Amino acid sequence: MLTNIDIVKAGHCFSDLIKQTMGGNEVIITKEGQPIAKLVSLAGKNKRKRQFGSAKGLIKMADDFDETPDDFRDYL
């Protein structure tokens, strides 16, 4: 969910806005109707690091994968 709030109102309820972002929402802070800042949560952004070789055995490739199929030989 996206919330727009004026900068003056945001100053009065900043802790509530932080709680909203921790719940997965984004808050756009505006001044005179124009967006000036975006408040987003950094919690949960630490995903697992990729591990080399983690997909080993999941991908199968045919022995003849690099051979031209018979019905394409005319195009070569």
PDB file of N, CA and C in Angstrom:
ATOM      1  N   MET A   1       0.846  -1.181   0.000  1.00  0.00           N
ATOM      2  CA  MET A   1       0.000   0.000   0.000  1.00  0.00           C
ATOM      3  C   MET A   1       0.887   1.238   0.000  1.00  0.00           C
ATOM      4  N   LEU A   2       0.478   2.243  -0.712  1.00  0.00           N
ATOM      5  CA  LEU A   2       1.233   3.484  -0.835  1.00  0.00           C
ATOM      6  C   LEU A   2       0.464   4.586  -0.127  1.00  0.00           C
ATOM      7  N   THR A   3       1.145   5.309   0.741  1.00  0.00           N
ATOM      8  CA  THR A   3       0.518   6.390   1.497  1.00  0.00           C
ATOM      9  C   THR A   3       1.195   7.703   1.150  1.00  0.00           C
ATOM     10  N   ASN A   4       0.403   8.728   0.860  1.00  0.00           N
ATOM     11  CA  ASN A   4       0.926  10.083   0.660  1.00  0.00           C
ATOM     12  C   ASN A   4       0.562  10.907   1.880  1.00  0.00           C
ATOM     13  N   ILE A   5       1.533  11.670   2.387  1.00  0.00           N
ATOM     14  CA  ILE A   5       1.271  12.493   3.565  1.00  0.00           C
ATOM     15  C   ILE A   5       2.091  13.772   3.463  1.00  0.00           C
ATOM     16  N   ASP A   6       1.497  14.880   3.885  1.00  0.00           N
ATOM     17  CA  ASP A   6       2.173  16.169   3.882  1.00  0.00           C
ATOM     18  C   ASP A   6       3.294  16.170   4.920  1.00  0.00           C
ATOM     19  N   ILE A   7       4.343  16.892   4.647  1.00  0.00           N
ATOM     20  CA  ILE A   7       5.524  16.904   5.505  1.00  0.00           C
ATOM     21  C   ILE A   7       5.204  17.368   6.927  1.00  0.00           C
ATOM     22  N   VAL A   8       4.283  18.313   7.063  1.00  0.00           N
ATOM     23  CA  VAL A   8       3.926  18.804   8.398  1.00  0.00           C
ATOM     24  C   VAL A   8       3.233  17.701   9.197  1.00  0.00           C
ATOM     25  N   LYS A   9       2.284  17.013   8.560  1.00  0.00           N
ATOM     26  CA  LYS A   9       1.593  15.913   9.238  1.00  0.00           C
ATOM     27  C   LYS A   9       2.550  14.760   9.520  1.00  0.00           C
ATOM     28  N   ALA A  10       3.496  14.530   8.607  1.00  0.00           N
ATOM     29  CA  ALA A  10       4.461  13.445   8.789  1.00  0.00           C
ATOM     30  C   ALA A  10       5.310  13.669  10.029  1.00  0.00           C
ATOM     31  N   GLY A  11       5.643  14.920  10.304  1.00  0.00           N
ATOM     32  CA  GLY A  11       6.431  15.238  11.491  1.00  0.00           C
ATOM     33  C   GLY A  11       5.712  14.906  12.780  1.00  0.00           C
ATOM     34  N   HIS A  12       4.383  15.001  12.778  1.00  0.00           N
ATOM     35  CA  HIS A  12       3.590  14.734  13.981  1.00  0.00           C
ATOM     36  C   HIS A  12       3.385  13.240  14.225  1.00  0.00           C
ATOM     37  N   CYS A  13       3.440  12.435  13.187  1.00  0.00           N
ATOM     38  CA  CYS A  13       3.161  11.001  13.357  1.00  0.00           C
ATOM     39  C   CYS A  13       4.266  10.134  12.749  1.00  0.00           C
ATOM     40  N   PHE A  14       5.516  10.587  12.901  1.00  0.00           N
ATOM     41  CA  PHE A  14       6.638   9.900  12.276  1.00  0.00           C
ATOM     42  C   PHE A  14       6.768   8.452  12.728  1.00  0.00           C
ATOM     43  N   SER A  15       6.607   8.194  14.016  1.00  0.00           N
ATOM     44  CA  SER A  15       6.760   6.814  14.501  1.00  0.00           C
ATOM     45  C   SER A  15       5.686   5.902  13.911  1.00  0.00           C
ATOM     46  N   ASP A  16       4.476   6.425  13.712  1.00  0.00           N
ATOM     47  CA  ASP A  16       3.423   5.626  13.075  1.00  0.00           C
ATOM     48  C   ASP A  16       3.780   5.324  11.617  1.00  0.00           C
ATOM     49  N   LEU A  17       4.396   6.287  10.947  1.00  0.00           N
ATOM     50  CA  LEU A  17       4.803   6.074   9.551  1.00  0.00           C
ATOM     51  C   LEU A  17       5.895   5.016   9.464  1.00  0.00           C
ATOM     52  N   ILE A  18       6.807   5.026  10.416  1.00  0.00           N
ATOM     53  CA  ILE A  18       7.856   4.008  10.453  1.00  0.00           C
ATOM     54  C   ILE A  18       7.233   2.629  10.628  1.00  0.00           C
ATOM     55  N   LYS A  19       6.255   2.523  11.506  1.00  0.00           N
ATOM     56  CA  LYS A  19       5.576   1.240  11.729  1.00  0.00           C
ATOM     57  C   LYS A  19       4.885   0.775  10.448  1.00  0.00           C
ATOM     58  N   GLN A  20       4.310   1.707   9.702  1.00  0.00           N
ATOM     59  CA  GLN A  20       3.659   1.348   8.435  1.00  0.00           C
ATOM     60  C   GLN A  20       4.670   0.775   7.449  1.00  0.00           C
ATOM     61  N   THR A  21       5.838   1.395   7.372  1.00  0.00           N
ATOM     62  CA  THR A  21       6.840   0.903   6.430  1.00  0.00           C
ATOM     63  C   THR A  21       7.363  -0.467   6.854  1.00  0.00           C
ATOM     64  N   MET A  22       7.452  -0.709   8.147  1.00  0.00           N
ATOM     65  CA  MET A  22       7.901  -2.013   8.621  1.00  0.00           C
ATOM     66  C   MET A  22       6.888  -3.094   8.276  1.00  0.00           C
ATOM     67  N   GLY A  23       5.638  -2.696   8.063  1.00  0.00           N
ATOM     68  CA  GLY A  23       4.599  -3.627   7.642  1.00  0.00           C
ATOM     69  C   GLY A  23       4.588  -3.864   6.145  1.00  0.00           C
ATOM     70  N   GLY A  24       5.526  -3.249   5.424  1.00  0.00           N
ATOM     71  CA  GLY A  24       5.623  -3.463   3.989  1.00  0.00           C
ATOM     72  C   GLY A  24       5.073  -2.338   3.142  1.00  0.00           C
ATOM     73  N   ASN A  25       4.561  -1.293   3.754  1.00  0.00           N
ATOM     74  CA  ASN A  25       4.003  -0.165   3.007  1.00  0.00           C
ATOM     75  C   ASN A  25       5.081   0.855   2.672  1.00  0.00           C
ATOM     76  N   GLU A  26       4.816   1.655   1.663  1.00  0.00           N
ATOM     77  CA  GLU A  26       5.686   2.772   1.316  1.00  0.00           C
ATOM     78  C   GLU A  26       4.946   4.063   1.635  1.00  0.00           C
ATOM     79  N   VAL A  27       5.683   5.060   2.117  1.00  0.00           N
ATOM     80  CA  VAL A  27       5.099   6.347   2.460  1.00  0.00           C
ATOM     81  C   VAL A  27       5.794   7.417   1.629  1.00  0.00           C
ATOM     82  N   ILE A  28       5.005   8.190   0.905  1.00  0.00           N
ATOM     83  CA  ILE A  28       5.525   9.313   0.130  1.00  0.00           C
ATOM     84  C   ILE A  28       5.242  10.579   0.920  1.00  0.00           C
ATOM     85  N   ILE A  29       6.277  11.349   1.216  1.00  0.00           N
ATOM     86  CA  ILE A  29       6.123  12.607   1.938  1.00  0.00           C
ATOM     87  C   ILE A  29       6.081  13.719   0.904  1.00  0.00           C
ATOM     88  N   THR A  30       5.076  14.569   1.024  1.00  0.00           N
ATOM     89  CA  THR A  30       4.873  15.631   0.044  1.00  0.00           C
ATOM     90  C   THR A  30       4.985  17.002   0.685  1.00  0.00           C
ATOM     91  N   LYS A  31       5.270  17.986  -0.144  1.00  0.00           N
ATOM     92  CA  LYS A  31       5.277  19.393   0.275  1.00  0.00           C
ATOM     93  C   LYS A  31       4.555  20.165  -0.809  1.00  0.00           C
ATOM     94  N   GLU A  32       3.482  20.791  -0.421  1.00  0.00           N
ATOM     95  CA  GLU A  32       2.626  21.527  -1.356  1.00  0.00           C
ATOM     96  C   GLU A  32       2.155  20.626  -2.489  1.00  0.00           C
ATOM     97  N   GLY A  33       1.860  19.368  -2.150  1.00  0.00           N
ATOM     98  CA  GLY A  33       1.327  18.419  -3.114  1.00  0.00           C
ATOM     99  C   GLY A  33       2.360  17.725  -3.983  1.00  0.00           C
ATOM    100  N   GLN A  34       3.617  18.116  -3.872  1.00  0.00           N
ATOM    101  CA  GLN A  34       4.678  17.524  -4.683  1.00  0.00           C
ATOM    102  C   GLN A  34       5.478  16.528  -3.842  1.00  0.00           C
ATOM    103  N   PRO A  35       5.735  15.330  -4.362  1.00  0.00           N
ATOM    104  CA  PRO A  35       6.522  14.344  -3.606  1.00  0.00           C
ATOM    105  C   PRO A  35       7.958  14.826  -3.409  1.00  0.00           C
ATOM    106  N   ILE A  36       8.455  14.690  -2.186  1.00  0.00           N
ATOM    107  CA  ILE A  36       9.828  15.114  -1.898  1.00  0.00           C
ATOM    108  C   ILE A  36      10.675  13.993  -1.289  1.00  0.00           C
ATOM    109  N   ALA A  37      10.021  12.964  -0.729  1.00  0.00           N
ATOM    110  CA  ALA A  37      10.774  11.872  -0.122  1.00  0.00           C
ATOM    111  C   ALA A  37       9.922  10.615  -0.103  1.00  0.00           C
ATOM    112  N   LYS A  38      10.618   9.476  -0.076  1.00  0.00           N
ATOM    113  CA  LYS A  38       9.930   8.188   0.026  1.00  0.00           C
ATOM    114  C   LYS A  38      10.493   7.454   1.232  1.00  0.00           C
ATOM    115  N   LEU A  39       9.595   6.954   2.048  1.00  0.00           N
ATOM    116  CA  LEU A  39       9.967   6.213   3.249  1.00  0.00           C
ATOM    117  C   LEU A  39       9.694   4.740   2.985  1.00  0.00           C
ATOM    118  N   VAL A  40      10.748   3.907   3.053  1.00  0.00           N
ATOM    119  CA  VAL A  40      10.607   2.466   2.850  1.00  0.00           C
ATOM    120  C   VAL A  40      11.381   1.738   3.945  1.00  0.00           C
ATOM    121  N   SER A  41      10.967   0.543   4.226  1.00  0.00           N
ATOM    122  CA  SER A  41      11.619  -0.253   5.252  1.00  0.00           C
ATOM    123  C   SER A  41      12.844  -0.953   4.691  1.00  0.00           C
ATOM    124  N   LEU A  42      13.874  -1.031   5.497  1.00  0.00           N
ATOM    125  CA  LEU A  42      15.056  -1.805   5.137  1.00  0.00           C
ATOM    126  C   LEU A  42      15.027  -3.172   5.788  1.00  0.00           C
ATOM    127  N   ALA A  43      14.107  -3.367   6.707  1.00  0.00           N
ATOM    128  CA  ALA A  43      13.970  -4.664   7.376  1.00  0.00           C
ATOM    129  C   ALA A  43      13.526  -5.703   6.362  1.00  0.00           C
ATOM    130  N   GLY A  44      14.115  -6.872   6.415  1.00  0.00           N
ATOM    131  CA  GLY A  44      13.756  -7.952   5.498  1.00  0.00           C
ATOM    132  C   GLY A  44      14.436  -7.852   4.163  1.00  0.00           C
ATOM    133  N   LYS A  45      15.281  -6.855   3.952  1.00  0.00           N
ATOM    134  CA  LYS A  45      15.978  -6.693   2.677  1.00  0.00           C
ATOM    135  C   LYS A  45      17.226  -7.561   2.607  1.00  0.00           C
ATOM    136  N   ASN A  46      17.641  -8.122   3.728  1.00  0.00           N
ATOM    137  CA  ASN A  46      18.850  -8.952   3.756  1.00  0.00           C
ATOM    138  C   ASN A  46      18.516 -10.368   3.318  1.00  0.00           C
ATOM    139  N   LYS A  47      18.528 -10.578   2.027  1.00  0.00           N
ATOM    140  CA  LYS A  47      18.240 -11.897   1.490  1.00  0.00           C
ATOM    141  C   LYS A  47      19.490 -12.756   1.606  1.00  0.00           C
ATOM    142  N   ARG A  48      19.272 -14.042   1.481  1.00  0.00           N
ATOM    143  CA  ARG A  48      20.411 -14.946   1.485  1.00  0.00           C
ATOM    144  C   ARG A  48      21.349 -14.609   0.347  1.00  0.00           C
ATOM    145  N   LYS A  49      22.635 -14.724   0.596  1.00  0.00           N
ATOM    146  CA  LYS A  49      23.600 -14.505  -0.470  1.00  0.00           C
ATOM    147  C   LYS A  49      23.562 -15.698  -1.413  1.00  0.00           C
ATOM    148  N   ARG A  50      23.809 -15.417  -2.668  1.00  0.00           N
ATOM    149  CA  ARG A  50      23.846 -16.484  -3.664  1.00  0.00           C
ATOM    150  C   ARG A  50      25.033 -17.398  -3.373  1.00  0.00           C
ATOM    151  N   GLN A  51      24.802 -18.662  -3.575  1.00  0.00           N
ATOM    152  CA  GLN A  51      25.863 -19.631  -3.330  1.00  0.00           C
ATOM    153  C   GLN A  51      26.207 -20.330  -4.640  1.00  0.00           C
ATOM    154  N   PHE A  52      27.458 -20.256  -5.020  1.00  0.00           N
ATOM    155  CA  PHE A  52      27.922 -20.860  -6.252  1.00  0.00           C
ATOM    156  C   PHE A  52      27.642 -22.362  -6.233  1.00  0.00           C
ATOM    157  N   GLY A  53      27.051 -22.849  -7.311  1.00  0.00           N
ATOM    158  CA  GLY A  53      26.796 -24.286  -7.446  1.00  0.00           C
ATOM    159  C   GLY A  53      25.509 -24.748  -6.793  1.00  0.00           C
ATOM    160  N   SER A  54      24.681 -23.829  -6.318  1.00  0.00           N
ATOM    161  CA  SER A  54      23.468 -24.233  -5.602  1.00  0.00           C
ATOM    162  C   SER A  54      22.424 -24.881  -6.515  1.00  0.00           C
ATOM    163  N   ALA A  55      22.539 -24.708  -7.835  1.00  0.00           N
ATOM    164  CA  ALA A  55      21.577 -25.305  -8.768  1.00  0.00           C
ATOM    165  C   ALA A  55      22.122 -26.598  -9.387  1.00  0.00           C
ATOM    166  N   LYS A  56      23.237 -27.077  -8.872  1.00  0.00           N
ATOM    167  CA  LYS A  56      23.848 -28.280  -9.431  1.00  0.00           C
ATOM    168  C   LYS A  56      22.864 -29.442  -9.383  1.00  0.00           C
ATOM    169  N   GLY A  57      22.701 -30.110 -10.522  1.00  0.00           N
ATOM    170  CA  GLY A  57      21.795 -31.244 -10.609  1.00  0.00           C
ATOM    171  C   GLY A  57      20.365 -30.869 -10.950  1.00  0.00           C
ATOM    172  N   LEU A  58      20.057 -29.582 -10.995  1.00  0.00           N
ATOM    173  CA  LEU A  58      18.689 -29.149 -11.302  1.00  0.00           C
ATOM    174  C   LEU A  58      18.469 -28.926 -12.789  1.00  0.00           C
ATOM    175  N   ILE A  59      19.542 -28.746 -13.530  1.00  0.00           N
ATOM    176  CA  ILE A  59      19.435 -28.461 -14.957  1.00  0.00           C
ATOM    177  C   ILE A  59      19.970 -29.654 -15.736  1.00  0.00           C
ATOM    178  N   LYS A  60      19.165 -30.159 -16.637  1.00  0.00           N
ATOM    179  CA  LYS A  60      19.558 -31.298 -17.472  1.00  0.00           C
ATOM    180  C   LYS A  60      19.686 -30.812 -18.911  1.00  0.00           C
ATOM    181  N   MET A  61      20.716 -31.256 -19.595  1.00  0.00           N
ATOM    182  CA  MET A  61      20.918 -30.870 -20.975  1.00  0.00           C
ATOM    183  C   MET A  61      21.078 -32.145 -21.803  1.00  0.00           C
ATOM    184  N   ALA A  62      20.379 -32.213 -22.901  1.00  0.00           N
ATOM    185  CA  ALA A  62      20.449 -33.390 -23.771  1.00  0.00           C
ATOM    186  C   ALA A  62      21.845 -33.510 -24.361  1.00  0.00           C
ATOM    187  N   ASP A  63      22.253 -34.740 -24.631  1.00  0.00           N
ATOM    188  CA  ASP A  63      23.575 -34.975 -25.206  1.00  0.00           C
ATOM    189  C   ASP A  63      23.729 -34.313 -26.568  1.00  0.00           C
ATOM    190  N   ASP A  64      22.637 -34.176 -27.304  1.00  0.00           N
ATOM    191  CA  ASP A  64      22.700 -33.604 -28.644  1.00  0.00           C
ATOM    192  C   ASP A  64      22.190 -32.156 -28.690  1.00  0.00           C
ATOM    193  N   PHE A  65      22.326 -31.421 -27.608  1.00  0.00           N
ATOM    194  CA  PHE A  65      21.762 -30.074 -27.544  1.00  0.00           C
ATOM    195  C   PHE A  65      22.372 -29.134 -28.584  1.00  0.00           C
ATOM    196  N   ASP A  66      23.597 -29.354 -29.001  1.00  0.00           N
ATOM    197  CA  ASP A  66      24.244 -28.443 -29.940  1.00  0.00           C
ATOM    198  C   ASP A  66      24.203 -28.934 -31.390  1.00  0.00           C
ATOM    199  N   GLU A  67      23.477 -29.991 -31.649  1.00  0.00           N
ATOM    200  CA  GLU A  67      23.336 -30.484 -33.015  1.00  0.00           C
ATOM    201  C   GLU A  67      22.144 -29.805 -33.680  1.00  0.00           C
ATOM    202  N   THR A  68      22.262 -29.579 -34.970  1.00  0.00           N
ATOM    203  CA  THR A  68      21.186 -28.942 -35.718  1.00  0.00           C
ATOM    204  C   THR A  68      20.076 -29.957 -35.970  1.00  0.00           C
ATOM    205  N   PRO A  69      18.841 -29.606 -35.644  1.00  0.00           N
ATOM    206  CA  PRO A  69      17.713 -30.518 -35.918  1.00  0.00           C
ATOM    207  C   PRO A  69      17.574 -30.748 -37.431  1.00  0.00           C
ATOM    208  N   ASP A  70      17.096 -31.927 -37.803  1.00  0.00           N
ATOM    209  CA  ASP A  70      16.974 -32.286 -39.217  1.00  0.00           C
ATOM    210  C   ASP A  70      16.129 -31.296 -40.007  1.00  0.00           C
ATOM    211  N   ASP A  71      15.050 -30.789 -39.420  1.00  0.00           N
ATOM    212  CA  ASP A  71      14.175 -29.889 -40.180  1.00  0.00           C
ATOM    213  C   ASP A  71      14.765 -28.475 -40.334  1.00  0.00           C
ATOM    214  N   PHE A  72      15.918 -28.177 -39.771  1.00  0.00           N
ATOM    215  CA  PHE A  72      16.572 -26.895 -39.943  1.00  0.00           C
ATOM    216  C   PHE A  72      17.803 -26.960 -40.853  1.00  0.00           C
ATOM    217  N   ARG A  73      18.155 -28.132 -41.291  1.00  0.00           N
ATOM    218  CA  ARG A  73      19.356 -28.308 -42.107  1.00  0.00           C
ATOM    219  C   ARG A  73      19.275 -27.522 -43.414  1.00  0.00           C
ATOM    220  N   ASP A  74      18.076 -27.340 -43.966  1.00  0.00           N
ATOM    221  CA  ASP A  74      17.908 -26.595 -45.213  1.00  0.00           C
ATOM    222  C   ASP A  74      18.259 -25.112 -45.061  1.00  0.00           C
ATOM    223  N   TYR A  75      18.224 -24.604 -43.868  1.00  0.00           N
ATOM    224  CA  TYR A  75      18.478 -23.179 -43.626  1.00  0.00           C
ATOM    225  C   TYR A  75      19.966 -22.859 -43.437  1.00  0.00           C
ATOM    226  N   LEU A  76      20.793 -23.863 -43.368  1.00  0.00           N
ATOM    227  CA  LEU A  76      22.224 -23.625 -43.147  1.00  0.00           C
ATOM    228  C   LEU A  76      22.987 -23.458 -44.424  1.00  0.00           C
TER     229      LEU A  76
END
